[in-house]
Amino acid sequence: MKKALKYVYSCLVLLFLINIVIYPQSSGLQALKNNPKLDVKVSNEGVLEVKDRRTNTRYLKNINKYPVKDNVKTADLVIDLDTVNFANYDYLYRSWGSVPVENHPGKFIVVDANSNEKNEIYAPFWEPAINLPVRSIYENVVDSAFNSVFQSQDTISSFRDVGDITGDGLLDIIGRDLDNRMNFYKQSSNQDYIITPDFIYAPFPRQFQPNANTFYDLDGDDTLEMIYFLAAGTADSVWAVSNHVAKYNPQINNYELVYYHRPLPDFFTYGFSVGDFDEDGKGNFGTGSINGKFYIYEYVQGTQYEVEYEDTLETFNAFLSQFTDDMDGNGKPEVWIGEILAAVFTAV
């Protein structure tokens, strides 16, 4: 264990810290308060609680000044986006196309599920007739043109991840509904869209919100674990405001919670990077907190996991995290960590 910890420490010295601050905090805060779709509360500690009235989702942001601390660790590369002149790269990008969907807080799932060499976008469509988001699929036809190929009346506010959770060669997708239940859909064959209702993961009261659900085979058994953070208003249970690992059980055709850890003292984390960070054959996942702490978890054996590494970065809201292959040629992979303060203060 000591050897593993030492290796992770040497690996994480190579963290790339992305510091994104674009607009002043005061103007951004006012923009949030003026948004009729949002309820915004500010605590004495400078933490915002933002609730989206339409999707019934909440998230937290820290708006204090950056903490001052001894520089105990130096990243090899720091990218400060407010010093980058993006006009130099205008020629590289153009407005290509659009589809009338939304997906907050989640991912736009893009995949060619039915193997017809045309990618589909899985995302909620806001249905005016019922004034709610419903699950939908738009398929690319040619160039920037997309056709609506599927819509249902299932009220799905966001899609989270896609993968073959059982190893049967067919894809599965997660969608969160307005009651914070995780709805799973599957393919009937590899020539079909991922639209068939399969099972619902909902072991918690509806006020508990699973965030950033991510598939990854942590224990190497060819089935995908589900990693997520369970948000809640208060820490009124042992598994609230904690990072969770759930394992698929074919006997009940559903996931079961096998591990949880509360990331004290910060409580709130968001976003996951996954991979074998230290290349020891055991899966890892990493996540950042509202006050800039970064945690790395590792699979041990059976249903056992442990916090293998943690550190405090010189930034708040370290919610962007990505594991990559070796990029600097030193023989070790990297973990990128980003701060998403700008995403909050540019909202209108």
Protein backbone atom coordinates (compact mmCIF):
# COMPACT_ATOMS: atom_id res chain seq x y z
CA MET A 1 0.00 0.00 0.00
CA LYS A 2 2.78 2.44 0.84
CA LYS A 3 4.37 1.71 -2.51
CA ALA A 4 1.11 2.42 -4.32
CA LEU A 5 0.60 5.70 -2.47
CA LYS A 6 4.12 6.81 -3.25
CA TYR A 7 3.57 6.12 -6.95
CA VAL A 8 0.30 8.04 -7.04
CA TYR A 9 1.95 11.00 -5.36
CA SER A 10 4.70 11.10 -7.98
CA CYS A 11 2.10 10.79 -10.71
CA LEU A 12 -0.08 13.59 -9.37
CA VAL A 13 2.78 16.04 -9.23
CA LEU A 14 2.09 16.15 -12.97
CA LEU A 15 -1.46 17.43 -12.58
CA PHE A 16 -2.46 20.02 -15.13
CA LEU A 17 -4.45 22.75 -13.41
CA ILE A 18 -6.89 24.63 -15.63
CA ASN A 19 -7.91 27.88 -13.98
CA ILE A 20 -10.91 29.47 -15.69
CA VAL A 21 -11.98 32.91 -14.52
CA ILE A 22 -13.52 35.13 -17.17
CA TYR A 23 -16.08 37.48 -15.63
CA PRO A 24 -16.06 39.36 -12.31
CA GLN A 25 -17.83 37.54 -9.51
CA SER A 26 -20.19 40.38 -8.68
CA SER A 27 -21.62 40.79 -12.18
CA GLY A 28 -21.91 37.03 -12.61
CA LEU A 29 -23.75 36.65 -9.30
CA GLN A 30 -26.23 39.34 -10.29
CA ALA A 31 -26.82 37.61 -13.63
CA LEU A 32 -27.68 34.41 -11.80
CA LYS A 33 -30.07 36.22 -9.44
CA ASN A 34 -31.78 37.91 -12.39
CA ASN A 35 -32.38 34.62 -14.19
CA PRO A 36 -36.12 33.82 -13.77
CA LYS A 37 -35.43 30.09 -14.20
CA LEU A 38 -33.14 29.93 -11.14
CA ASP A 39 -33.44 30.25 -7.37
CA VAL A 40 -30.16 31.46 -5.88
CA LYS A 41 -29.19 31.46 -2.21
CA VAL A 42 -25.89 32.81 -0.85
CA SER A 43 -24.52 31.58 2.47
CA ASN A 44 -22.26 33.55 4.81
CA GLU A 45 -19.37 31.35 3.69
CA GLY A 46 -19.70 32.59 0.10
CA VAL A 47 -21.26 29.40 -1.24
CA LEU A 48 -24.08 29.67 -3.77
CA GLU A 49 -26.90 27.16 -3.85
CA VAL A 50 -28.52 27.32 -7.30
CA LYS A 51 -31.77 25.51 -8.10
CA ASP A 52 -33.08 25.14 -11.64
CA ARG A 53 -36.88 25.47 -11.37
CA ARG A 54 -37.54 23.64 -14.64
CA THR A 55 -35.51 20.50 -14.02
CA ASN A 56 -35.62 20.49 -10.19
CA THR A 57 -31.83 20.16 -9.98
CA ARG A 58 -29.43 21.84 -7.57
CA TYR A 59 -25.73 22.60 -7.61
CA LEU A 60 -23.28 24.46 -5.39
CA LYS A 61 -20.55 26.96 -6.23
CA ASN A 62 -17.95 28.66 -4.07
CA ILE A 63 -17.50 32.38 -4.92
CA ASN A 64 -14.84 33.27 -2.36
CA LYS A 65 -11.46 34.54 -3.46
CA TYR A 66 -8.89 31.92 -4.26
CA PRO A 67 -7.30 30.44 -1.15
CA VAL A 68 -3.77 31.42 -0.26
CA LYS A 69 -1.56 28.52 0.74
CA ASP A 70 2.00 27.37 0.58
CA ASN A 71 2.86 26.00 -2.83
CA VAL A 72 3.56 22.44 -1.72
CA LYS A 73 3.10 21.07 -5.20
CA THR A 74 3.65 22.65 -8.61
CA ALA A 75 1.84 21.56 -11.73
CA ASP A 76 3.91 21.11 -14.86
CA LEU A 77 1.45 23.23 -16.81
CA VAL A 78 -1.09 25.84 -15.74
CA ILE A 79 -3.49 27.16 -18.37
CA ASP A 80 -5.23 30.42 -17.43
CA LEU A 81 -7.91 30.90 -20.07
CA ASP A 82 -8.44 34.61 -19.44
CA THR A 83 -4.95 35.23 -20.87
CA VAL A 84 -5.64 33.36 -24.12
CA ASN A 85 -6.53 35.36 -27.24
CA PHE A 86 -9.19 33.14 -28.79
CA ALA A 87 -9.40 35.39 -31.87
CA ASN A 88 -6.22 33.66 -33.05
CA TYR A 89 -8.21 30.44 -33.47
CA ASP A 90 -11.40 31.74 -35.09
CA TYR A 91 -10.47 30.23 -38.44
CA LEU A 92 -10.41 26.73 -36.94
CA TYR A 93 -14.12 26.63 -36.05
CA ARG A 94 -17.44 27.56 -37.60
CA SER A 95 -21.09 27.28 -36.65
CA TRP A 96 -21.99 23.87 -38.05
CA GLY A 97 -25.49 22.92 -36.98
CA SER A 98 -27.93 22.65 -34.10
CA VAL A 99 -30.63 20.45 -32.61
CA PRO A 100 -33.47 21.65 -30.31
CA VAL A 101 -32.45 19.71 -27.20
CA GLU A 102 -31.11 20.43 -23.72
CA ASN A 103 -29.24 18.38 -21.17
CA HIS A 104 -28.60 20.00 -17.80
CA PRO A 105 -26.89 18.71 -15.78
CA GLY A 106 -25.69 15.85 -17.94
CA LYS A 107 -24.02 14.88 -21.19
CA PHE A 108 -24.99 14.96 -24.82
CA ILE A 109 -24.63 11.28 -25.64
CA VAL A 110 -23.38 10.87 -29.22
CA VAL A 111 -23.08 7.32 -30.55
CA ASP A 112 -23.87 5.25 -33.63
CA ALA A 113 -25.88 2.70 -31.70
CA ASN A 114 -27.70 1.13 -34.67
CA SER A 115 -24.50 0.73 -36.72
CA ASN A 116 -25.74 2.61 -39.79
CA GLU A 117 -22.69 4.93 -39.88
CA LYS A 118 -24.82 7.89 -38.74
CA ASN A 119 -24.33 9.23 -35.23
CA GLU A 120 -27.31 9.86 -32.98
CA ILE A 121 -27.65 12.49 -30.25
CA TYR A 122 -29.49 11.30 -27.13
CA ALA A 123 -30.78 14.30 -25.19
CA PRO A 124 -34.02 15.66 -23.68
CA PHE A 125 -36.36 17.67 -25.90
CA TRP A 126 -38.50 20.31 -24.20
CA GLU A 127 -42.05 19.37 -25.16
CA PRO A 128 -44.24 22.51 -25.20
CA ALA A 129 -47.47 20.50 -25.05
CA ILE A 130 -46.67 19.26 -21.54
CA ASN A 131 -44.03 21.85 -20.63
CA LEU A 132 -41.58 19.12 -19.60
CA PRO A 133 -38.41 17.56 -21.02
CA VAL A 134 -38.88 14.19 -22.74
CA ARG A 135 -36.28 11.75 -24.04
CA SER A 136 -35.49 12.11 -27.70
CA ILE A 137 -33.02 11.03 -30.38
CA TYR A 138 -31.77 13.10 -33.31
CA GLU A 139 -29.80 11.30 -36.01
CA ASN A 140 -27.29 12.92 -38.33
CA VAL A 141 -28.45 12.72 -41.96
CA VAL A 142 -25.78 14.53 -43.94
CA ASP A 143 -23.30 17.25 -42.99
CA SER A 144 -25.05 19.38 -40.32
CA ALA A 145 -28.61 18.10 -40.88
CA PHE A 146 -30.31 16.05 -38.16
CA ASN A 147 -33.66 14.26 -38.17
CA SER A 148 -35.82 13.60 -35.13
CA VAL A 149 -36.05 9.79 -35.13
CA PHE A 150 -37.52 9.15 -31.68
CA GLN A 151 -39.47 10.96 -28.96
CA SER A 152 -41.32 9.51 -26.00
CA GLN A 153 -43.38 10.94 -23.16
CA ASP A 154 -40.84 9.80 -20.56
CA THR A 155 -39.84 12.90 -18.59
CA ILE A 156 -36.05 12.68 -18.69
CA SER A 157 -34.19 15.84 -17.66
CA SER A 158 -30.71 14.62 -18.59
CA PHE A 159 -28.73 11.69 -19.93
CA ARG A 160 -25.60 10.71 -18.01
CA ASP A 161 -23.59 7.95 -19.71
CA VAL A 162 -23.71 5.11 -22.22
CA GLY A 163 -22.02 1.70 -22.25
CA ASP A 164 -22.49 -2.06 -22.32
CA ILE A 165 -23.11 -2.61 -18.62
CA THR A 166 -23.62 -6.40 -18.83
CA GLY A 167 -21.06 -7.36 -21.47
CA ASP A 168 -23.71 -8.74 -23.85
CA GLY A 169 -22.62 -6.60 -26.80
CA LEU A 170 -25.64 -4.27 -26.53
CA LEU A 171 -25.55 -0.68 -25.31
CA ASP A 172 -27.28 0.77 -22.25
CA ILE A 173 -27.94 4.42 -21.43
CA ILE A 174 -28.84 6.25 -18.18
CA GLY A 175 -31.43 9.02 -17.99
CA ARG A 176 -32.42 10.94 -14.84
CA ASP A 177 -36.10 11.76 -14.42
CA LEU A 178 -37.67 14.63 -12.45
CA ASP A 179 -37.98 12.44 -9.35
CA ASN A 180 -34.20 11.79 -9.30
CA ARG A 181 -34.63 8.20 -10.43
CA MET A 182 -32.01 6.77 -12.77
CA ASN A 183 -33.85 5.19 -15.73
CA PHE A 184 -31.94 2.59 -17.75
CA TYR A 185 -32.69 1.90 -21.42
CA LYS A 186 -31.19 -0.82 -23.61
CA GLN A 187 -30.92 -1.98 -27.20
CA SER A 188 -32.99 -4.89 -28.47
CA SER A 189 -30.25 -5.57 -31.05
CA ASN A 190 -27.16 -3.79 -32.33
CA GLN A 191 -29.21 -2.47 -35.26
CA ASP A 192 -31.63 -0.63 -32.93
CA TYR A 193 -31.61 2.65 -31.05
CA ILE A 194 -31.17 2.53 -27.27
CA ILE A 195 -34.84 3.01 -26.41
CA THR A 196 -36.19 -0.09 -24.64
CA PRO A 197 -36.98 0.52 -20.93
CA ASP A 198 -34.98 -1.88 -18.78
CA PHE A 199 -34.84 -1.02 -15.06
CA ILE A 200 -34.88 1.94 -12.65
CA TYR A 201 -32.23 2.58 -10.01
CA ALA A 202 -33.94 4.49 -7.20
CA PRO A 203 -32.86 3.27 -3.75
CA PHE A 204 -33.06 6.74 -2.15
CA PRO A 205 -35.81 9.27 -1.35
CA ARG A 206 -36.60 11.62 -4.25
CA GLN A 207 -34.91 14.62 -2.58
CA PHE A 208 -31.56 12.83 -2.95
CA GLN A 209 -30.04 13.65 -6.32
CA PRO A 210 -27.51 11.32 -8.03
CA ASN A 211 -25.00 13.46 -9.94
CA ALA A 212 -22.45 12.82 -12.70
CA ASN A 213 -23.26 9.11 -13.09
CA THR A 214 -20.31 7.46 -14.85
CA PHE A 215 -19.78 3.91 -16.14
CA TYR A 216 -16.40 2.19 -15.67
CA ASP A 217 -15.21 -1.37 -15.05
CA LEU A 218 -13.33 -0.72 -11.80
CA ASP A 219 -12.85 -4.34 -10.71
CA GLY A 220 -11.98 -5.84 -14.11
CA ASP A 221 -14.87 -8.33 -14.32
CA ASP A 222 -16.13 -7.06 -17.71
CA THR A 223 -19.26 -5.43 -16.27
CA LEU A 224 -19.49 -1.69 -15.69
CA GLU A 225 -19.74 -0.22 -12.22
CA MET A 226 -21.72 3.02 -11.83
CA ILE A 227 -19.97 5.86 -10.01
CA TYR A 228 -21.92 8.92 -8.84
CA PHE A 229 -22.19 11.56 -6.14
CA LEU A 230 -25.39 11.55 -4.08
CA ALA A 231 -26.35 15.15 -3.32
CA ALA A 232 -28.78 15.98 -0.53
CA GLY A 233 -29.89 19.01 1.42
CA THR A 234 -28.33 17.79 4.67
CA ALA A 235 -26.08 14.96 5.75
CA ASP A 236 -29.02 13.12 7.30
CA SER A 237 -27.92 9.61 6.39
CA VAL A 238 -24.67 7.69 6.15
CA TRP A 239 -24.82 7.65 2.34
CA ALA A 240 -25.92 11.27 1.72
CA VAL A 241 -23.46 13.82 0.28
CA SER A 242 -21.10 10.97 -0.56
CA ASN A 243 -19.35 9.44 -3.55
CA HIS A 244 -20.90 6.08 -4.43
CA VAL A 245 -19.96 2.94 -6.34
CA ALA A 246 -22.82 0.66 -7.41
CA LYS A 247 -22.31 -2.80 -8.92
CA TYR A 248 -24.60 -4.44 -11.44
CA ASN A 249 -26.31 -7.58 -10.10
CA PRO A 250 -27.71 -9.82 -12.89
CA GLN A 251 -29.84 -11.72 -10.37
CA ILE A 252 -32.07 -8.68 -9.84
CA ASN A 253 -31.23 -6.87 -13.12
CA ASN A 254 -30.27 -3.70 -11.28
CA TYR A 255 -27.41 -1.94 -9.58
CA GLU A 256 -26.65 -2.30 -5.87
CA LEU A 257 -24.72 0.18 -3.74
CA VAL A 258 -21.46 -1.45 -2.60
CA TYR A 259 -19.33 1.51 -1.47
CA TYR A 260 -19.78 5.11 -0.34
CA HIS A 261 -17.44 7.73 1.08
CA ARG A 262 -18.20 11.22 2.37
CA PRO A 263 -15.47 13.64 1.20
CA LEU A 264 -15.01 15.64 4.39
CA PRO A 265 -14.74 18.48 5.12
CA ASP A 266 -16.00 19.74 1.77
CA PHE A 267 -18.97 17.37 1.30
CA PHE A 268 -19.89 18.44 -2.24
CA THR A 269 -17.96 16.97 -5.20
CA TYR A 270 -18.88 16.73 -8.87
CA GLY A 271 -17.57 15.07 -12.03
CA PHE A 272 -15.41 11.94 -12.36
CA SER A 273 -12.30 10.90 -14.23
CA VAL A 274 -11.78 7.14 -14.53
CA GLY A 275 -8.92 4.84 -15.48
CA ASP A 276 -5.99 2.92 -14.04
CA PHE A 277 -4.18 6.07 -12.89
CA ASP A 278 -1.10 4.38 -11.42
CA GLU A 279 -1.07 1.44 -13.86
CA ASP A 280 -1.22 -1.23 -11.12
CA GLY A 281 -4.09 -3.18 -12.68
CA LYS A 282 -6.75 -1.73 -10.34
CA GLY A 283 -9.34 0.79 -11.47
CA ASN A 284 -9.36 4.34 -10.13
CA PHE A 285 -11.74 7.26 -10.18
CA GLY A 286 -11.02 10.87 -9.27
CA THR A 287 -13.27 13.78 -8.33
CA GLY A 288 -12.90 17.38 -7.16
CA SER A 289 -14.71 19.33 -4.47
CA ILE A 290 -16.28 22.73 -4.05
CA ASN A 291 -13.24 23.97 -2.07
CA GLY A 292 -10.63 22.54 -4.42
CA LYS A 293 -9.84 19.21 -2.82
CA PHE A 294 -9.14 16.35 -5.22
CA TYR A 295 -9.74 12.73 -4.27
CA ILE A 296 -8.53 9.54 -5.95
CA TYR A 297 -10.25 6.25 -5.13
CA GLU A 298 -8.94 2.77 -5.97
CA TYR A 299 -10.52 -0.66 -6.18
CA VAL A 300 -9.08 -3.05 -3.56
CA GLN A 301 -10.89 -6.40 -3.86
CA GLY A 302 -14.41 -7.80 -3.83
CA THR A 303 -16.60 -4.79 -3.10
CA GLN A 304 -13.86 -2.91 -1.24
CA TYR A 305 -12.56 0.51 -2.29
CA GLU A 306 -10.35 3.07 -0.60
CA VAL A 307 -9.34 6.72 -0.83
CA GLU A 308 -5.81 6.31 -2.17
CA TYR A 309 -4.86 9.95 -2.50
CA GLU A 310 -6.17 13.43 -1.71
CA ASP A 311 -4.78 16.92 -2.10
CA THR A 312 -5.98 20.54 -1.97
CA LEU A 313 -5.52 22.58 -5.13
CA GLU A 314 -5.14 26.34 -5.31
CA THR A 315 -8.59 26.80 -6.81
CA PHE A 316 -12.26 26.36 -5.99
CA ASN A 317 -14.91 24.26 -7.78
CA ALA A 318 -12.52 21.63 -9.14
CA PHE A 319 -15.35 19.86 -10.95
CA LEU A 320 -13.64 19.15 -14.28
CA SER A 321 -11.47 16.05 -14.24
CA GLN A 322 -10.04 13.98 -17.08
CA PHE A 323 -7.58 11.08 -17.18
CA THR A 324 -5.32 10.89 -20.24
CA ASP A 325 -2.44 8.81 -21.54
CA ASP A 326 1.13 10.01 -21.11
CA MET A 327 1.33 13.45 -22.74
CA ASP A 328 4.72 14.75 -21.60
CA GLY A 329 6.77 11.65 -22.40
CA ASN A 330 7.77 10.77 -18.84
CA GLY A 331 6.16 7.33 -18.97
CA LYS A 332 3.28 8.16 -16.61
CA PRO A 333 -0.32 9.09 -17.42
CA GLU A 334 -1.80 12.45 -16.43
CA VAL A 335 -4.92 13.70 -14.69
CA TRP A 336 -6.25 17.08 -15.83
CA ILE A 337 -8.22 19.08 -13.27
CA GLY A 338 -10.25 22.12 -14.22
CA GLU A 339 -12.19 24.78 -12.34
CA ILE A 340 -15.57 25.73 -13.78
CA LEU A 341 -16.32 29.04 -12.08
CA ALA A 342 -16.85 30.67 -15.46
CA ALA A 343 -19.69 28.31 -16.29
CA VAL A 344 -21.67 29.79 -13.43
CA PHE A 345 -20.97 33.47 -13.87
CA THR A 346 -21.65 33.62 -17.59
CA ALA A 347 -25.16 32.18 -17.24
CA VAL A 348 -27.96 34.56 -18.25
